Amino acid sequence: MIIIIHENNEWIAPFEEALQKINADYQIWYVPDMSLDLSSVPPDAVYWNRMSASSHTRGHRYSPEMVAGILSWLERHGRTVVNGPKALDLEISKIRQYQELEKFSITTPKTFCAVEKEHLVEGAEKIGFPLITKHNRAGKGLGVMKFDKQAALEGYLFGENFDESIDGITLLQEYVDSP
């Protein structure tokens, strides 16, 4: 049996259709509607985690935290999980993604992260311009904006249009002009 853990019905429909075509034995665990009895034993199955960092944009703010708990429960019971706890951890944090890439000598742009806006202003001086902002926990390109000058960045950070990351961490990253 395959059990798909997710919070986005739109993404799952094509997979469900494919599984039906091959008569696969599967279940769907839709996280926003779930509760979990930690004293129970999970079904013997292969679990596929499809959690997304952008779940909050669909009104599912706490789904990643629930999935972290589900994955821990599955791990405790020795279940096979595709995209387990490490994948979820990387999915919900660009900071940790970049560290993992660098660990394997995959260069990432200079990046500075902070919660406090004043620290972001200081970080911009270290990175230089142009730079981009982005959310640490996002998806869909949330919080990505390009700034060519310090004054424009400060106007954004301290203005009414500042778009805060769901985890409160904003990243500044050197802008890479790719071909």
N, C-alpha and C. Protein backbone atom coordinates (compact mmCIF):
# COMPACT_ATOMS: atom_id res chain seq x y z
N MET A 1 0.84 -1.18 0.00
CA MET A 1 0.00 0.00 0.00
C MET A 1 0.88 1.24 0.00
N ILE A 2 0.40 2.27 -0.68
CA ILE A 2 1.06 3.58 -0.71
C ILE A 2 0.14 4.56 0.00
N ILE A 3 0.71 5.36 0.90
CA ILE A 3 -0.06 6.40 1.56
C ILE A 3 0.60 7.73 1.23
N ILE A 4 -0.19 8.63 0.63
CA ILE A 4 0.31 9.94 0.23
C ILE A 4 -0.10 10.95 1.29
N ILE A 5 0.89 11.64 1.84
CA ILE A 5 0.67 12.67 2.86
C ILE A 5 0.81 14.02 2.16
N HIS A 6 -0.25 14.85 2.20
CA HIS A 6 -0.19 16.12 1.47
C HIS A 6 -1.17 17.13 2.04
N GLU A 7 -1.11 18.35 1.48
CA GLU A 7 -2.06 19.40 1.86
C GLU A 7 -2.55 20.18 0.64
N ASN A 8 -2.28 19.69 -0.55
CA ASN A 8 -2.66 20.42 -1.76
C ASN A 8 -3.36 19.48 -2.73
N ASN A 9 -4.68 19.50 -2.72
CA ASN A 9 -5.46 18.60 -3.58
C ASN A 9 -5.17 18.77 -5.06
N GLU A 10 -4.88 19.99 -5.48
CA GLU A 10 -4.60 20.26 -6.88
C GLU A 10 -3.38 19.47 -7.37
N TRP A 11 -2.35 19.39 -6.52
CA TRP A 11 -1.14 18.66 -6.91
C TRP A 11 -1.35 17.16 -6.94
N ILE A 12 -2.25 16.66 -6.12
CA ILE A 12 -2.39 15.21 -5.96
C ILE A 12 -3.23 14.58 -7.06
N ALA A 13 -4.14 15.32 -7.64
CA ALA A 13 -5.06 14.76 -8.63
C ALA A 13 -4.36 13.96 -9.74
N PRO A 14 -3.30 14.47 -10.37
CA PRO A 14 -2.65 13.68 -11.43
C PRO A 14 -2.03 12.38 -10.91
N PHE A 15 -1.49 12.41 -9.71
CA PHE A 15 -0.90 11.20 -9.14
C PHE A 15 -1.98 10.18 -8.83
N GLU A 16 -3.09 10.66 -8.28
CA GLU A 16 -4.19 9.77 -7.96
C GLU A 16 -4.73 9.11 -9.23
N GLU A 17 -4.85 9.88 -10.29
CA GLU A 17 -5.30 9.34 -11.58
C GLU A 17 -4.35 8.26 -12.08
N ALA A 18 -3.04 8.50 -11.98
CA ALA A 18 -2.05 7.52 -12.42
C ALA A 18 -2.10 6.25 -11.56
N LEU A 19 -2.27 6.42 -10.27
CA LEU A 19 -2.35 5.25 -9.38
C LEU A 19 -3.60 4.42 -9.67
N GLN A 20 -4.69 5.08 -10.00
CA GLN A 20 -5.92 4.37 -10.35
C GLN A 20 -5.75 3.59 -11.65
N LYS A 21 -5.02 4.17 -12.61
CA LYS A 21 -4.81 3.50 -13.90
C LYS A 21 -4.07 2.18 -13.73
N ILE A 22 -3.16 2.12 -12.76
CA ILE A 22 -2.40 0.87 -12.56
C ILE A 22 -2.97 0.02 -11.42
N ASN A 23 -4.16 0.41 -10.96
CA ASN A 23 -4.84 -0.32 -9.87
C ASN A 23 -3.98 -0.44 -8.62
N ALA A 24 -3.25 0.60 -8.30
CA ALA A 24 -2.41 0.60 -7.10
C ALA A 24 -3.28 0.71 -5.85
N ASP A 25 -2.83 0.07 -4.81
CA ASP A 25 -3.49 0.15 -3.50
C ASP A 25 -2.92 1.39 -2.81
N TYR A 26 -3.75 2.40 -2.63
CA TYR A 26 -3.25 3.65 -2.03
C TYR A 26 -4.31 4.30 -1.16
N GLN A 27 -3.84 5.19 -0.29
CA GLN A 27 -4.70 6.04 0.52
C GLN A 27 -4.14 7.46 0.45
N ILE A 28 -5.03 8.42 0.66
CA ILE A 28 -4.64 9.82 0.70
C ILE A 28 -4.83 10.32 2.12
N TRP A 29 -3.77 10.88 2.69
CA TRP A 29 -3.87 11.54 3.99
C TRP A 29 -3.79 13.04 3.73
N TYR A 30 -4.93 13.70 3.80
CA TYR A 30 -5.02 15.13 3.59
C TYR A 30 -4.81 15.81 4.94
N VAL A 31 -3.65 16.38 5.12
CA VAL A 31 -3.19 16.86 6.43
C VAL A 31 -4.12 17.89 7.08
N PRO A 32 -4.68 18.86 6.36
CA PRO A 32 -5.56 19.82 7.03
C PRO A 32 -6.76 19.19 7.75
N ASP A 33 -7.16 18.01 7.31
CA ASP A 33 -8.31 17.33 7.94
C ASP A 33 -7.89 16.24 8.92
N MET A 34 -6.58 16.13 9.19
CA MET A 34 -6.10 15.01 10.00
C MET A 34 -6.01 15.34 11.49
N SER A 35 -6.12 14.28 12.26
CA SER A 35 -5.71 14.26 13.66
C SER A 35 -4.90 12.98 13.79
N LEU A 36 -4.20 12.82 14.89
CA LEU A 36 -3.31 11.68 15.00
C LEU A 36 -3.30 11.15 16.43
N ASP A 37 -3.56 9.86 16.58
CA ASP A 37 -3.47 9.19 17.87
C ASP A 37 -2.07 8.59 17.96
N LEU A 38 -1.21 9.25 18.73
CA LEU A 38 0.20 8.83 18.81
C LEU A 38 0.38 7.46 19.47
N SER A 39 -0.65 6.96 20.14
CA SER A 39 -0.53 5.63 20.75
C SER A 39 -0.92 4.53 19.77
N SER A 40 -1.41 4.91 18.59
CA SER A 40 -1.75 3.90 17.58
C SER A 40 -0.52 3.53 16.77
N VAL A 41 -0.66 2.48 15.97
CA VAL A 41 0.43 2.02 15.11
C VAL A 41 0.04 2.34 13.66
N PRO A 42 0.93 3.01 12.92
CA PRO A 42 0.59 3.36 11.53
C PRO A 42 0.48 2.12 10.66
N PRO A 43 -0.38 2.18 9.65
CA PRO A 43 -0.49 1.04 8.72
C PRO A 43 0.86 0.69 8.11
N ASP A 44 1.01 -0.59 7.79
CA ASP A 44 2.22 -1.05 7.12
C ASP A 44 2.10 -0.64 5.66
N ALA A 45 2.86 0.36 5.27
CA ALA A 45 2.75 0.92 3.92
C ALA A 45 4.03 1.67 3.59
N VAL A 46 4.12 2.11 2.35
CA VAL A 46 5.16 3.05 1.94
C VAL A 46 4.48 4.41 1.93
N TYR A 47 5.08 5.37 2.64
CA TYR A 47 4.51 6.70 2.78
C TYR A 47 5.26 7.67 1.88
N TRP A 48 4.50 8.51 1.22
CA TRP A 48 5.08 9.51 0.33
C TRP A 48 4.67 10.88 0.82
N ASN A 49 5.63 11.63 1.32
CA ASN A 49 5.41 12.97 1.84
C ASN A 49 5.46 13.99 0.70
N ARG A 50 4.36 14.73 0.53
CA ARG A 50 4.26 15.77 -0.51
C ARG A 50 3.99 17.14 0.11
N MET A 51 4.49 17.36 1.31
CA MET A 51 4.27 18.63 2.01
C MET A 51 4.97 19.76 1.28
N SER A 52 4.37 20.94 1.32
CA SER A 52 4.91 22.10 0.61
C SER A 52 5.13 23.27 1.56
N ALA A 53 6.21 24.00 1.31
CA ALA A 53 6.51 25.18 2.11
C ALA A 53 5.49 26.29 1.90
N SER A 54 4.75 26.25 0.80
CA SER A 54 3.77 27.31 0.52
C SER A 54 2.38 26.97 1.02
N SER A 55 2.26 26.00 1.90
CA SER A 55 0.94 25.57 2.39
C SER A 55 0.14 26.72 3.00
N HIS A 56 0.83 27.66 3.64
CA HIS A 56 0.12 28.77 4.27
C HIS A 56 -0.63 29.63 3.26
N THR A 57 -0.20 29.60 2.00
CA THR A 57 -0.89 30.39 0.98
C THR A 57 -2.22 29.75 0.59
N ARG A 58 -2.45 28.54 1.03
CA ARG A 58 -3.72 27.84 0.79
C ARG A 58 -4.52 27.72 2.09
N GLY A 59 -4.13 28.50 3.10
CA GLY A 59 -4.84 28.48 4.37
C GLY A 59 -4.46 27.34 5.29
N HIS A 60 -3.33 26.71 5.03
CA HIS A 60 -2.89 25.56 5.83
C HIS A 60 -1.60 25.91 6.58
N ARG A 61 -1.66 26.92 7.39
CA ARG A 61 -0.50 27.48 8.07
C ARG A 61 0.29 26.44 8.86
N TYR A 62 -0.39 25.54 9.54
CA TYR A 62 0.32 24.63 10.44
C TYR A 62 0.52 23.22 9.89
N SER A 63 0.23 23.02 8.63
CA SER A 63 0.41 21.69 8.04
C SER A 63 1.86 21.19 8.10
N PRO A 64 2.88 22.03 7.84
CA PRO A 64 4.25 21.51 7.95
C PRO A 64 4.58 21.00 9.35
N GLU A 65 4.08 21.69 10.36
CA GLU A 65 4.34 21.25 11.73
C GLU A 65 3.64 19.91 12.01
N MET A 66 2.42 19.77 11.49
CA MET A 66 1.70 18.51 11.66
C MET A 66 2.42 17.38 10.92
N VAL A 67 2.89 17.66 9.72
CA VAL A 67 3.61 16.63 8.96
C VAL A 67 4.90 16.25 9.67
N ALA A 68 5.60 17.19 10.26
CA ALA A 68 6.82 16.86 11.02
C ALA A 68 6.49 15.85 12.12
N GLY A 69 5.36 16.06 12.79
CA GLY A 69 4.94 15.12 13.82
C GLY A 69 4.57 13.76 13.25
N ILE A 70 3.86 13.76 12.13
CA ILE A 70 3.48 12.50 11.48
C ILE A 70 4.73 11.72 11.07
N LEU A 71 5.69 12.42 10.47
CA LEU A 71 6.92 11.76 10.02
C LEU A 71 7.70 11.18 11.20
N SER A 72 7.73 11.89 12.29
CA SER A 72 8.41 11.39 13.49
C SER A 72 7.72 10.12 13.99
N TRP A 73 6.41 10.11 13.98
CA TRP A 73 5.62 8.95 14.40
C TRP A 73 5.89 7.76 13.48
N LEU A 74 5.92 8.02 12.16
CA LEU A 74 6.21 6.95 11.21
C LEU A 74 7.62 6.41 11.40
N GLU A 75 8.56 7.31 11.62
CA GLU A 75 9.95 6.91 11.84
C GLU A 75 10.08 6.04 13.09
N ARG A 76 9.38 6.43 14.15
CA ARG A 76 9.42 5.66 15.41
C ARG A 76 8.93 4.23 15.18
N HIS A 77 8.00 4.06 14.25
CA HIS A 77 7.45 2.74 13.97
C HIS A 77 8.15 2.03 12.80
N GLY A 78 9.26 2.60 12.35
CA GLY A 78 10.06 1.94 11.32
C GLY A 78 9.41 1.88 9.95
N ARG A 79 8.53 2.81 9.64
CA ARG A 79 7.87 2.81 8.34
C ARG A 79 8.77 3.43 7.27
N THR A 80 8.61 2.98 6.05
CA THR A 80 9.35 3.52 4.91
C THR A 80 8.67 4.80 4.46
N VAL A 81 9.46 5.87 4.41
CA VAL A 81 8.93 7.18 4.02
C VAL A 81 9.79 7.75 2.90
N VAL A 82 9.15 8.10 1.80
CA VAL A 82 9.80 8.81 0.72
C VAL A 82 9.61 10.30 1.03
N ASN A 83 10.70 11.06 1.02
CA ASN A 83 10.69 12.47 1.41
C ASN A 83 10.40 12.59 2.91
N GLY A 84 11.23 11.96 3.71
CA GLY A 84 11.05 11.94 5.15
C GLY A 84 11.42 13.24 5.83
N PRO A 85 11.76 13.15 7.12
CA PRO A 85 12.02 14.36 7.92
C PRO A 85 13.08 15.30 7.34
N LYS A 86 14.14 14.77 6.77
CA LYS A 86 15.19 15.64 6.21
C LYS A 86 14.65 16.41 5.01
N ALA A 87 13.87 15.76 4.17
CA ALA A 87 13.29 16.45 3.01
C ALA A 87 12.34 17.55 3.46
N LEU A 88 11.53 17.28 4.48
CA LEU A 88 10.62 18.31 5.00
C LEU A 88 11.42 19.47 5.57
N ASP A 89 12.47 19.16 6.32
CA ASP A 89 13.30 20.20 6.92
C ASP A 89 13.87 21.12 5.85
N LEU A 90 14.34 20.54 4.76
CA LEU A 90 14.89 21.34 3.67
C LEU A 90 13.79 22.10 2.92
N GLU A 91 12.63 21.50 2.80
CA GLU A 91 11.52 22.14 2.10
C GLU A 91 11.08 23.44 2.77
N ILE A 92 11.15 23.48 4.08
CA ILE A 92 10.60 24.64 4.80
C ILE A 92 11.65 25.65 5.24
N SER A 93 12.89 25.51 4.77
CA SER A 93 13.92 26.48 5.15
C SER A 93 14.97 26.65 4.06
N LYS A 94 14.96 27.83 3.44
CA LYS A 94 16.00 28.11 2.45
C LYS A 94 17.38 28.18 3.13
N ILE A 95 17.41 28.65 4.37
CA ILE A 95 18.70 28.69 5.10
C ILE A 95 19.31 27.30 5.12
N ARG A 96 18.52 26.30 5.50
CA ARG A 96 19.05 24.94 5.58
C ARG A 96 19.30 24.36 4.19
N GLN A 97 18.49 24.74 3.19
CA GLN A 97 18.75 24.29 1.82
C GLN A 97 20.13 24.75 1.36
N TYR A 98 20.43 26.03 1.58
CA TYR A 98 21.71 26.57 1.13
C TYR A 98 22.88 25.90 1.85
N GLN A 99 22.72 25.61 3.13
CA GLN A 99 23.79 24.94 3.88
C GLN A 99 24.04 23.55 3.32
N GLU A 100 22.97 22.86 2.97
CA GLU A 100 23.10 21.51 2.41
C GLU A 100 23.78 21.56 1.04
N LEU A 101 23.41 22.53 0.21
CA LEU A 101 24.05 22.67 -1.10
C LEU A 101 25.54 22.95 -0.95
N GLU A 102 25.88 23.88 -0.06
CA GLU A 102 27.29 24.24 0.16
C GLU A 102 28.09 23.05 0.69
N LYS A 103 27.46 22.21 1.49
CA LYS A 103 28.13 21.03 2.03
C LYS A 103 28.64 20.12 0.91
N PHE A 104 27.94 20.16 -0.24
CA PHE A 104 28.32 19.34 -1.39
C PHE A 104 29.00 20.17 -2.48
N SER A 105 29.58 21.31 -2.06
CA SER A 105 30.34 22.20 -2.95
C SER A 105 29.49 22.77 -4.09
N ILE A 106 28.21 22.92 -3.86
CA ILE A 106 27.34 23.59 -4.81
C ILE A 106 27.21 25.03 -4.33
N THR A 107 27.81 25.93 -5.07
CA THR A 107 27.88 27.32 -4.67
C THR A 107 26.51 27.98 -4.72
N THR A 108 26.20 28.74 -3.69
CA THR A 108 24.97 29.51 -3.65
C THR A 108 25.34 31.00 -3.60
N PRO A 109 24.44 31.88 -4.02
CA PRO A 109 24.75 33.31 -3.93
C PRO A 109 24.96 33.74 -2.48
N LYS A 110 25.75 34.80 -2.28
CA LYS A 110 25.93 35.34 -0.93
C LYS A 110 24.56 35.63 -0.35
N THR A 111 24.33 35.15 0.88
CA THR A 111 23.02 35.28 1.50
C THR A 111 23.17 35.75 2.93
N PHE A 112 22.27 36.62 3.34
CA PHE A 112 22.20 37.14 4.71
C PHE A 112 20.77 36.96 5.17
N CYS A 113 20.58 36.53 6.40
CA CYS A 113 19.22 36.34 6.91
C CYS A 113 19.07 37.00 8.27
N ALA A 114 17.86 37.46 8.54
CA ALA A 114 17.57 38.10 9.82
C ALA A 114 16.07 38.15 10.04
N VAL A 115 15.73 38.39 11.29
CA VAL A 115 14.34 38.63 11.67
C VAL A 115 14.10 40.14 11.77
N GLU A 116 15.05 40.84 12.33
CA GLU A 116 14.92 42.29 12.54
C GLU A 116 15.29 43.05 11.27
N LYS A 117 14.47 44.02 10.92
CA LYS A 117 14.68 44.80 9.71
C LYS A 117 15.97 45.59 9.75
N GLU A 118 16.34 46.10 10.93
CA GLU A 118 17.58 46.86 11.07
C GLU A 118 18.78 45.98 10.71
N HIS A 119 18.70 44.70 11.07
CA HIS A 119 19.79 43.79 10.74
C HIS A 119 19.86 43.53 9.23
N LEU A 120 18.70 43.54 8.59
CA LEU A 120 18.68 43.37 7.15
C LEU A 120 19.36 44.55 6.44
N VAL A 121 19.15 45.74 6.96
CA VAL A 121 19.82 46.92 6.40
C VAL A 121 21.34 46.74 6.51
N GLU A 122 21.81 46.29 7.67
CA GLU A 122 23.24 46.04 7.86
C GLU A 122 23.74 44.95 6.92
N GLY A 123 22.93 43.90 6.76
CA GLY A 123 23.31 42.80 5.87
C GLY A 123 23.43 43.23 4.42
N ALA A 124 22.57 44.16 4.02
CA ALA A 124 22.61 44.66 2.64
C ALA A 124 23.95 45.33 2.35
N GLU A 125 24.50 46.01 3.35
CA GLU A 125 25.81 46.65 3.17
C GLU A 125 26.90 45.61 2.94
N LYS A 126 26.76 44.46 3.55
CA LYS A 126 27.75 43.38 3.38
C LYS A 126 27.63 42.71 2.02
N ILE A 127 26.40 42.53 1.56
CA ILE A 127 26.18 41.85 0.28
C ILE A 127 26.43 42.78 -0.89
N GLY A 128 25.96 44.01 -0.78
CA GLY A 128 26.06 44.95 -1.88
C GLY A 128 24.83 44.87 -2.79
N PHE A 129 24.79 45.77 -3.75
CA PHE A 129 23.64 45.86 -4.65
C PHE A 129 24.08 45.58 -6.07
N PRO A 130 23.21 45.08 -6.90
CA PRO A 130 21.82 44.73 -6.63
C PRO A 130 21.71 43.48 -5.78
N LEU A 131 20.56 43.36 -5.11
CA LEU A 131 20.27 42.18 -4.32
C LEU A 131 18.78 41.88 -4.39
N ILE A 132 18.41 40.70 -3.91
CA ILE A 132 16.99 40.35 -3.84
C ILE A 132 16.63 40.00 -2.41
N THR A 133 15.37 40.20 -2.09
CA THR A 133 14.82 39.70 -0.84
C THR A 133 14.07 38.42 -1.17
N LYS A 134 13.91 37.57 -0.19
CA LYS A 134 13.05 36.39 -0.34
C LYS A 134 12.68 35.88 1.04
N HIS A 135 11.61 35.15 1.09
CA HIS A 135 11.18 34.53 2.34
C HIS A 135 12.00 33.26 2.59
N ASN A 136 12.31 33.00 3.85
CA ASN A 136 12.99 31.75 4.18
C ASN A 136 12.07 30.56 3.95
N ARG A 137 10.84 30.69 4.38
CA ARG A 137 9.85 29.62 4.20
C ARG A 137 8.78 30.16 3.26
N ALA A 138 8.77 29.62 2.05
CA ALA A 138 7.86 30.21 1.08
C ALA A 138 7.44 29.20 0.03
N GLY A 139 7.95 29.37 -1.15
CA GLY A 139 7.46 28.70 -2.33
C GLY A 139 6.75 29.75 -3.16
N LYS A 140 6.50 29.45 -4.41
CA LYS A 140 5.79 30.35 -5.32
C LYS A 140 6.52 31.67 -5.54
N GLY A 141 7.77 31.79 -5.16
CA GLY A 141 8.51 33.04 -5.33
C GLY A 141 8.10 34.12 -4.34
N LEU A 142 7.49 33.73 -3.24
CA LEU A 142 7.02 34.71 -2.26
C LEU A 142 8.17 35.54 -1.71
N GLY A 143 7.96 36.84 -1.65
CA GLY A 143 8.93 37.75 -1.06
C GLY A 143 10.11 38.08 -1.95
N VAL A 144 10.13 37.56 -3.17
CA VAL A 144 11.28 37.82 -4.06
C VAL A 144 11.08 39.16 -4.74
N MET A 145 12.00 40.07 -4.42
CA MET A 145 11.99 41.41 -5.03
C MET A 145 13.44 41.83 -5.24
N LYS A 146 13.68 42.54 -6.31
CA LYS A 146 15.03 43.02 -6.62
C LYS A 146 15.15 44.48 -6.19
N PHE A 147 16.31 44.80 -5.62
CA PHE A 147 16.61 46.17 -5.21
C PHE A 147 17.99 46.55 -5.74
N ASP A 148 18.05 47.73 -6.35
CA ASP A 148 19.31 48.23 -6.89
C ASP A 148 20.01 49.21 -5.96
N LYS A 149 19.25 49.75 -5.00
CA LYS A 149 19.82 50.78 -4.12
C LYS A 149 19.33 50.60 -2.68
N GLN A 150 20.17 51.02 -1.76
CA GLN A 150 19.89 50.94 -0.32
C GLN A 150 18.57 51.65 0.04
N ALA A 151 18.36 52.85 -0.51
CA ALA A 151 17.16 53.62 -0.17
C ALA A 151 15.89 52.87 -0.56
N ALA A 152 15.89 52.21 -1.70
CA ALA A 152 14.71 51.45 -2.14
C ALA A 152 14.46 50.26 -1.20
N LEU A 153 15.52 49.58 -0.81
CA LEU A 153 15.38 48.45 0.12
C LEU A 153 14.81 48.94 1.45
N GLU A 154 15.37 50.01 1.99
CA GLU A 154 14.88 50.53 3.27
C GLU A 154 13.42 50.98 3.16
N GLY A 155 13.06 51.60 2.04
CA GLY A 155 11.67 52.00 1.84
C GLY A 155 10.73 50.81 1.88
N TYR A 156 11.16 49.71 1.29
CA TYR A 156 10.36 48.49 1.30
C TYR A 156 10.29 47.89 2.70
N LEU A 157 11.46 47.72 3.33
CA LEU A 157 11.50 47.06 4.64
C LEU A 157 10.67 47.80 5.69
N PHE A 158 10.71 49.11 5.66
CA PHE A 158 10.03 49.90 6.69
C PHE A 158 8.71 50.50 6.21
N GLY A 159 8.32 50.15 5.00
CA GLY A 159 7.08 50.69 4.44
C GLY A 159 5.89 49.75 4.66
N GLU A 160 4.76 50.19 4.18
CA GLU A 160 3.51 49.45 4.35
C GLU A 160 3.44 48.18 3.51
N ASN A 161 4.24 48.07 2.47
CA ASN A 161 4.15 46.93 1.57
C ASN A 161 5.10 45.79 1.90
N PHE A 162 5.80 45.88 3.05
CA PHE A 162 6.72 44.80 3.42
C PHE A 162 5.94 43.50 3.57
N ASP A 163 6.43 42.46 2.92
CA ASP A 163 5.80 41.14 2.92
C ASP A 163 6.65 40.20 3.78
N GLU A 164 6.20 39.95 4.99
CA GLU A 164 6.99 39.14 5.93
C GLU A 164 6.82 37.65 5.66
N SER A 165 7.90 36.93 5.80
CA SER A 165 7.88 35.47 5.66
C SER A 165 7.03 34.87 6.78
N ILE A 166 6.41 33.76 6.50
CA ILE A 166 5.55 33.10 7.48
C ILE A 166 6.33 32.68 8.72
N ASP A 167 7.64 32.45 8.59
CA ASP A 167 8.47 32.10 9.75
C ASP A 167 9.20 33.30 10.32
N GLY A 168 8.96 34.49 9.76
CA GLY A 168 9.56 35.72 10.27
C GLY A 168 10.97 35.99 9.78
N ILE A 169 11.54 35.09 9.00
CA ILE A 169 12.93 35.23 8.55
C ILE A 169 12.96 35.70 7.11
N THR A 170 13.61 36.84 6.89
CA THR A 170 13.78 37.37 5.55
C THR A 170 15.22 37.15 5.12
N LEU A 171 15.40 36.79 3.87
CA LEU A 171 16.74 36.60 3.32
C LEU A 171 17.06 37.74 2.36
N LEU A 172 18.30 38.15 2.38
CA LEU A 172 18.86 39.03 1.35
C LEU A 172 19.85 38.17 0.59
N GLN A 173 19.85 38.31 -0.71
CA GLN A 173 20.75 37.48 -1.51
C GLN A 173 21.30 38.29 -2.66
N GLU A 174 22.59 38.10 -2.92
CA GLU A 174 23.16 38.82 -4.05
C GLU A 174 22.39 38.45 -5.31
N TYR A 175 22.16 39.44 -6.12
CA TYR A 175 21.42 39.23 -7.36
C TYR A 175 22.36 38.60 -8.38
N VAL A 176 21.90 37.55 -9.01
CA VAL A 176 22.67 36.87 -10.05
C VAL A 176 21.95 37.13 -11.37
N ASP A 177 22.61 37.83 -12.26
CA ASP A 177 22.05 38.12 -13.58
C ASP A 177 22.38 36.95 -14.49
N SER A 178 21.44 36.05 -14.65
CA SER A 178 21.72 34.86 -15.44
C SER A 178 21.32 35.09 -16.90
N PRO A 179 21.98 34.37 -17.81
CA PRO A 179 21.68 34.55 -19.24
C PRO A 179 20.27 34.07 -19.57
